[in-house]
Every structure is written in structure tokens, then in C-alpha cells.
Amino acid sequence: MLAIEFTHGHDCARVYDRVKRELSRLKDIPSFSLYMHSNQDVIHCRYDGSDLEWKHSVRPYVAAVLTDEIIQRYEVLFVEKLIKEHYQYREPNEREQVMELARDMLAGERPEIPEARRSAERKTVLYLAIHEYLSNQSVFYWNPFLTFCIGNYERYLQYLTEVVIEEYQMEQEYQTVVDELRSYVEIVQPKVQELHLWYENRDHFWLVDMEGNQWGPQQRMKHTESTLVFEKGLPPTERIISPIASIAPKRLYIYTSQDDGVIQTLRAIFQERLNARSFAQWHFSI
């Protein structure tokens, strides 16, 4: 009823083992049989049940198994090829960093990146292509399919690759700026010995010195070094990181329950000079 034909025997053997293993879990289709050609280049799938069962049960399951095989076996290789062909990352370490980010996004492990939350969609796109092919053909030509019939899936991977590169470049720029701010904080003379930051979120925070004097928007703007602007795009009055780094306190106390980008960046800049505290330890009046 269905043949899956391969160019390489090792691909055939691997897919055969996977399909056989996965389909063995379906106890309700005993009429399904599977065997591999003696040359190990064709898998023959036969189902002696009804055409309706084949159409609505067995064939969709075979398509799902083949989808998982392609994603797990080839997807990272597809993305790596796109990165090599379209972007000039000659250093192996740099290429590996890009690929690590790509693998994280494909696994849905970067939820802070909107496109990563959509990564599961590419499985649906690939499944639909395979299912359509199986619906119209009695022979599934494995290698030609991977080369010529995954257009929408490949376009999604191309888009994802662009997102990966853009995110990688942004992360590199972020790290460069953080390193510059950390170096500045380490060598400059502190303007105050202590700063205390009450931080609920980006919109609700207070900054005071050890005497309890509040550093409001105007004072923060006054002491912000023009070369240390981290939060580009934000109004000067809403900036938190740039003025604190410019003040370069010898000790920075943060009272918060958050661990967002602001807190993580301040921790990276001040390192051992930062002391995290609970709101209950705040003893200043605002």
C-alpha cells in the first residue's frame, strides 16, 4: 500500500526501526505489516484493514512518525547549513554559540523571544507536507522529498535562522555594553559609598543613598554619563541601569522580589558589590 524509498541504506534501516517501534505501540491495528527490502533501500508498509482506517488512522500516524524522524535527525543540520551558507561565522566557537541558541529556540527553551514560542508550528508545517505527499503518492521518495518538497518548512527554518542571528548579535552587543559598564564601575571613583534601590518593576522603583536622600529623575539624569547610556530608546527619566552605573557606588543594595533583565544586568555589572535584600529590610522613608 505504501513504499518508502531511500537513496542510502543507513537511512532506510534507521527509519525502518523507528516506524516499526512506533507502530508496534498501536495495538488496534494488527493488520499492519512492515518489512524492509533485501537491498535495504525500500520499506514496504501494508495495511489489510479498511481504506477508511488507513486514511484516518494509520496514514496520519505514519506521517507523524516520519515528521518526528526528520525533525530529530535533520533539522539542526538544515539550520546549520543555512547559517554557514548565508552568514560569515568563521570561528568555530562563534558558530557553536549561534547553533546553541538555535537549538534552544527550536526546543522552545527561550520563551522570552516571541519567535521561540512559535517554534512548535514548524512541526505542523512539516507534518502537513508529509501527510499530503502520502495522500497523493504510493511511493514516498525520502531524499527527493527532503530536497524538493519541504518548501514551507524550509522557509520557516530560514526565518528562524534570521531570528537566531539577530538575537545572537543583540546578545553580543548586550554583553559588550555590560563589559564596558563593569570596567567603568571597577576603575572610576565612586560618587557615593552606598546606593539603595527599591525595585518592584521598571515603573515602580526608588533610589536613595545611605543617608536616605532620594535620587529622583533630575538627579539621576544629571549624574548619567553620556557614554554609558544602556537603555537606549527609554526616556532619560525612566532609566535605571545607566545612572546607577554612572554613580558607581562602592556598594549597591537592591530590595526586590524580581529577577528580570534590570536585576540581571545590575548583577552582571556590580557582581560582588551588589547585595540583594527583601523588601522587609528596607528602612528608608520615601
Protein backbone atom coordinates (compact mmCIF):
# COMPACT_ATOMS: atom_id res chain seq x y z
CA MET A 1 0.00 0.00 0.00
CA LEU A 2 2.91 2.33 0.73
CA ALA A 3 6.62 2.17 -0.06
CA ILE A 4 9.27 4.47 1.40
CA GLU A 5 12.28 4.53 -0.90
CA PHE A 6 15.77 5.70 0.14
CA THR A 7 19.00 6.62 -1.56
CA HIS A 8 21.12 5.42 1.35
CA GLY A 9 20.68 2.12 3.14
CA HIS A 10 21.61 3.50 6.57
CA ASP A 11 18.72 5.98 6.32
CA CYS A 12 16.39 3.16 5.37
CA ALA A 13 17.45 0.97 8.31
CA ARG A 14 17.13 3.81 10.81
CA VAL A 15 13.67 4.88 9.62
CA TYR A 16 12.53 1.25 9.45
CA ASP A 17 13.50 0.70 13.10
CA ARG A 18 11.72 3.87 14.15
CA VAL A 19 8.50 3.22 12.23
CA LYS A 20 8.41 -0.37 13.41
CA ARG A 21 8.97 0.67 17.03
CA GLU A 22 6.37 3.43 16.96
CA LEU A 23 3.69 1.46 15.11
CA SER A 24 4.14 -1.52 17.44
CA ARG A 25 2.53 0.65 20.13
CA LEU A 26 -0.75 0.74 18.22
CA LYS A 27 -2.47 -2.39 19.44
CA ASP A 28 -5.61 -1.66 17.47
CA ILE A 29 -4.05 -2.10 14.01
CA PRO A 30 -2.86 -5.73 13.93
CA SER A 31 -3.46 -5.78 10.17
CA PHE A 32 -0.47 -3.51 9.59
CA SER A 33 2.75 -5.14 8.35
CA LEU A 34 6.16 -3.67 7.68
CA TYR A 35 9.25 -5.11 6.05
CA MET A 36 12.47 -3.82 4.52
CA HIS A 37 13.67 -4.75 1.03
CA SER A 38 16.69 -7.05 0.90
CA ASN A 39 18.82 -4.24 -0.53
CA GLN A 40 17.87 -2.13 2.49
CA ASP A 41 16.73 0.78 0.35
CA VAL A 42 12.91 0.38 0.47
CA ILE A 43 10.44 0.00 3.32
CA HIS A 44 7.16 -1.67 2.38
CA CYS A 45 4.12 -0.82 4.50
CA ARG A 46 0.95 -2.86 4.09
CA TYR A 47 -2.37 -2.49 5.84
CA ASP A 48 -5.09 -5.10 5.35
CA GLY A 49 -7.78 -3.15 7.16
CA SER A 50 -10.29 -0.82 5.60
CA ASP A 51 -9.35 2.15 3.43
CA LEU A 52 -11.16 4.41 5.89
CA GLU A 53 -8.97 3.22 8.77
CA TRP A 54 -5.87 3.66 6.64
CA LYS A 55 -6.91 7.18 5.67
CA HIS A 56 -7.92 8.43 9.11
CA SER A 57 -5.76 6.38 11.47
CA VAL A 58 -2.71 4.62 10.09
CA ARG A 59 -1.56 7.09 7.43
CA PRO A 60 -1.71 10.13 9.78
CA TYR A 61 0.26 8.16 12.35
CA VAL A 62 2.92 7.21 9.79
CA ALA A 63 3.13 10.88 8.77
CA ALA A 64 3.60 11.89 12.41
CA VAL A 65 6.39 9.33 12.89
CA LEU A 66 8.19 10.49 9.74
CA THR A 67 7.79 14.10 10.89
CA ASP A 68 9.46 13.34 14.21
CA GLU A 69 12.27 11.48 12.44
CA ILE A 70 13.05 14.37 10.09
CA ILE A 71 12.94 16.96 12.87
CA GLN A 72 15.14 14.98 15.25
CA ARG A 73 17.59 13.75 12.62
CA TYR A 74 17.89 16.58 10.12
CA GLU A 75 16.54 19.84 11.48
CA VAL A 76 19.68 21.05 13.25
CA LEU A 77 21.69 20.12 10.16
CA PHE A 78 19.32 22.18 7.98
CA VAL A 79 19.73 25.22 10.24
CA GLU A 80 23.50 24.79 10.45
CA LYS A 81 23.69 24.66 6.66
CA LEU A 82 21.64 27.87 6.37
CA ILE A 83 23.93 29.62 8.84
CA LYS A 84 27.06 28.50 7.00
CA GLU A 85 25.71 29.49 3.59
CA HIS A 86 24.29 32.91 4.45
CA TYR A 87 26.34 34.20 7.40
CA GLN A 88 30.07 34.60 7.79
CA TYR A 89 30.91 32.97 11.11
CA ARG A 90 34.35 31.56 10.55
CA GLU A 91 35.34 30.96 14.16
CA PRO A 92 34.19 27.51 15.34
CA ASN A 93 33.44 28.85 18.82
CA GLU A 94 31.24 31.61 17.41
CA ARG A 95 29.39 29.20 15.11
CA GLU A 96 28.76 26.91 18.06
CA GLN A 97 27.32 29.78 20.10
CA VAL A 98 24.93 30.57 17.25
CA MET A 99 23.94 26.91 16.94
CA GLU A 100 23.43 26.61 20.69
CA LEU A 101 20.98 29.50 20.52
CA ALA A 102 19.27 27.88 17.50
CA ARG A 103 18.90 24.57 19.34
CA ASP A 104 17.43 26.34 22.37
CA MET A 105 14.89 28.17 20.21
CA LEU A 106 13.90 25.01 18.34
CA ALA A 107 13.38 23.29 21.69
CA GLY A 108 11.21 26.18 22.88
CA GLU A 109 13.64 26.98 25.70
CA ARG A 110 13.84 30.72 25.05
CA PRO A 111 10.28 31.86 25.86
CA GLU A 112 11.42 35.47 26.25
CA ILE A 113 11.93 35.52 22.47
CA PRO A 114 8.47 35.72 20.82
CA GLU A 115 9.50 33.65 17.79
CA ALA A 116 10.72 30.84 20.05
CA ARG A 117 7.21 30.45 21.43
CA ARG A 118 6.05 29.73 17.86
CA SER A 119 8.71 27.10 17.21
CA ALA A 120 6.23 24.21 17.51
CA GLU A 121 4.46 25.49 14.41
CA ARG A 122 7.18 24.18 12.14
CA LYS A 123 6.28 20.62 13.18
CA THR A 124 2.73 21.19 11.95
CA VAL A 125 4.01 22.67 8.68
CA LEU A 126 6.23 19.64 8.05
CA TYR A 127 3.54 17.16 9.07
CA LEU A 128 1.06 18.66 6.62
CA ALA A 129 3.61 18.40 3.79
CA ILE A 130 4.31 14.74 4.57
CA HIS A 131 0.65 13.86 5.02
CA GLU A 132 -0.27 15.48 1.70
CA TYR A 133 2.54 13.59 -0.04
CA LEU A 134 1.41 10.27 1.44
CA SER A 135 -2.18 11.04 0.42
CA ASN A 136 -1.26 11.52 -3.23
CA GLN A 137 1.58 9.03 -3.75
CA SER A 138 2.00 5.31 -3.18
CA VAL A 139 5.80 5.73 -3.03
CA PHE A 140 7.41 8.17 -0.61
CA TYR A 141 10.81 9.09 -2.06
CA TRP A 142 12.74 10.05 1.06
CA ASN A 143 15.69 12.04 -0.31
CA PRO A 144 13.82 13.83 -3.13
CA PHE A 145 11.15 14.79 -0.60
CA LEU A 146 13.75 16.34 1.71
CA THR A 147 15.27 18.19 -1.23
CA PHE A 148 12.21 19.43 -3.13
CA CYS A 149 9.02 19.08 -1.09
CA ILE A 150 9.54 20.86 2.21
CA GLY A 151 9.26 24.43 0.92
CA ASN A 152 7.06 25.89 3.67
CA TYR A 153 9.04 24.08 6.39
CA GLU A 154 12.32 25.26 4.90
CA ARG A 155 11.05 28.83 4.69
CA TYR A 156 10.14 28.66 8.35
CA LEU A 157 13.64 27.46 9.20
CA GLN A 158 15.10 30.30 7.10
CA TYR A 159 13.00 32.78 9.04
CA LEU A 160 14.00 31.18 12.32
CA THR A 161 17.66 31.35 11.31
CA GLU A 162 17.31 35.09 10.68
CA VAL A 163 15.79 35.47 14.14
CA VAL A 164 18.62 33.43 15.68
CA ILE A 165 21.27 35.59 14.02
CA GLU A 166 19.55 38.80 15.06
CA GLU A 167 19.16 37.59 18.64
CA TYR A 168 22.78 36.43 18.74
CA GLN A 169 24.02 39.81 17.54
CA MET A 170 21.84 41.57 20.11
CA GLU A 171 23.21 39.35 22.86
CA GLN A 172 26.77 40.07 21.73
CA GLU A 173 26.07 43.80 21.75
CA TYR A 174 24.48 43.49 25.18
CA GLN A 175 27.49 41.62 26.54
CA THR A 176 29.86 44.23 25.10
CA VAL A 177 27.96 47.07 26.79
CA VAL A 178 27.79 45.18 30.10
CA ASP A 179 31.55 44.58 29.97
CA GLU A 180 32.13 48.29 29.32
CA LEU A 181 29.90 49.29 32.24
CA ARG A 182 31.57 46.77 34.54
CA SER A 183 35.02 48.07 33.59
CA TYR A 184 33.87 51.63 34.22
CA VAL A 185 32.46 50.75 37.64
CA GLU A 186 35.68 48.98 38.60
CA ILE A 187 38.06 51.86 37.77
CA VAL A 188 36.07 55.06 38.42
CA GLN A 189 35.95 56.83 41.75
CA PRO A 190 32.54 56.09 43.37
CA LYS A 191 30.32 59.15 43.67
CA VAL A 192 28.72 57.63 46.78
CA GLN A 193 29.64 54.79 49.08
CA GLU A 194 26.18 53.19 49.02
CA LEU A 195 23.07 53.24 46.88
CA HIS A 196 19.82 51.53 47.83
CA LEU A 197 17.38 50.54 45.09
CA TRP A 198 13.77 49.64 45.89
CA TYR A 199 12.65 47.79 42.78
CA GLU A 200 9.16 46.44 42.23
CA ASN A 201 9.41 46.69 38.46
CA ARG A 202 10.60 49.10 35.77
CA ASP A 203 7.77 51.52 36.55
CA HIS A 204 7.97 51.42 40.36
CA PHE A 205 11.38 51.98 41.88
CA TRP A 206 13.16 54.36 44.25
CA LEU A 207 16.82 55.14 44.60
CA VAL A 208 18.33 56.57 47.78
CA ASP A 209 21.82 56.99 49.21
CA MET A 210 22.97 55.80 52.62
CA GLU A 211 21.65 58.98 54.28
CA GLY A 212 18.21 58.38 52.82
CA ASN A 213 18.42 61.14 50.24
CA GLN A 214 16.30 60.29 47.23
CA TRP A 215 17.91 60.38 43.80
CA GLY A 216 14.97 61.44 41.67
CA PRO A 217 14.73 61.70 37.87
CA GLN A 218 16.54 65.04 37.59
CA GLN A 219 19.41 63.99 39.83
CA ARG A 220 19.76 60.65 38.05
CA MET A 221 19.85 62.42 34.67
CA LYS A 222 22.43 64.90 35.96
CA HIS A 223 24.83 62.15 37.03
CA THR A 224 24.36 59.88 33.99
CA GLU A 225 27.48 59.77 31.83
CA SER A 226 26.56 60.30 28.17
CA THR A 227 28.87 57.44 27.12
CA LEU A 228 27.17 54.99 29.49
CA VAL A 229 23.61 55.09 28.21
CA PHE A 230 22.46 51.48 28.38
CA GLU A 231 18.70 51.86 27.97
CA LYS A 232 18.65 53.48 24.55
CA GLY A 233 15.11 54.26 23.48
CA LEU A 234 13.86 54.90 27.01
CA PRO A 235 13.23 58.45 28.24
CA PRO A 236 16.10 59.60 30.49
CA THR A 237 13.75 59.83 33.47
CA GLU A 238 12.91 56.11 33.20
CA ARG A 239 16.47 54.83 33.05
CA ILE A 240 17.74 52.74 35.95
CA ILE A 241 20.91 50.95 34.91
CA SER A 242 22.75 53.86 33.25
CA PRO A 243 22.52 56.30 36.19
CA ILE A 244 23.43 53.65 38.77
CA ALA A 245 26.47 52.58 36.72
CA SER A 246 27.45 56.24 36.26
CA ILE A 247 27.23 56.85 40.02
CA ALA A 248 29.28 53.66 40.50
CA PRO A 249 28.51 53.15 44.21
CA LYS A 250 31.00 51.15 46.18
CA ARG A 251 28.09 49.02 47.40
CA LEU A 252 24.70 48.57 45.72
CA TYR A 253 21.78 47.23 47.74
CA ILE A 254 18.73 46.03 45.83
CA TYR A 255 15.41 45.34 47.54
CA THR A 256 13.28 43.27 45.22
CA SER A 257 11.41 40.05 44.55
CA GLN A 258 12.20 40.24 40.83
CA ASP A 259 14.90 38.67 38.71
CA ASP A 260 14.19 40.39 35.41
CA GLY A 261 16.57 41.95 32.89
CA VAL A 262 17.25 45.03 35.05
CA ILE A 263 18.28 42.97 38.06
CA GLN A 264 20.31 40.51 35.99
CA THR A 265 22.17 43.35 34.27
CA LEU A 266 22.95 45.15 37.51
CA ARG A 267 24.19 41.87 38.96
CA ALA A 268 26.47 41.36 35.96
CA ILE A 269 27.86 44.90 36.27
CA PHE A 270 28.37 45.12 40.02
CA GLN A 271 28.95 41.44 40.79
CA GLU A 272 30.26 41.10 44.39
CA ARG A 273 29.49 44.76 45.07
CA LEU A 274 25.76 44.03 44.80
CA ASN A 275 23.76 42.89 47.79
CA ALA A 276 20.21 41.57 47.22
CA ARG A 277 17.69 42.09 50.02
CA SER A 278 14.00 41.60 50.68
CA PHE A 279 11.50 44.44 50.81
CA ALA A 280 11.19 43.85 54.56
CA GLN A 281 14.78 45.01 55.03
CA TRP A 282 14.09 48.45 53.55
CA HIS A 283 14.42 51.06 56.32
CA PHE A 284 14.19 54.33 54.39
CA SER A 285 11.14 56.55 54.18
CA ILE A 286 10.03 57.71 50.72
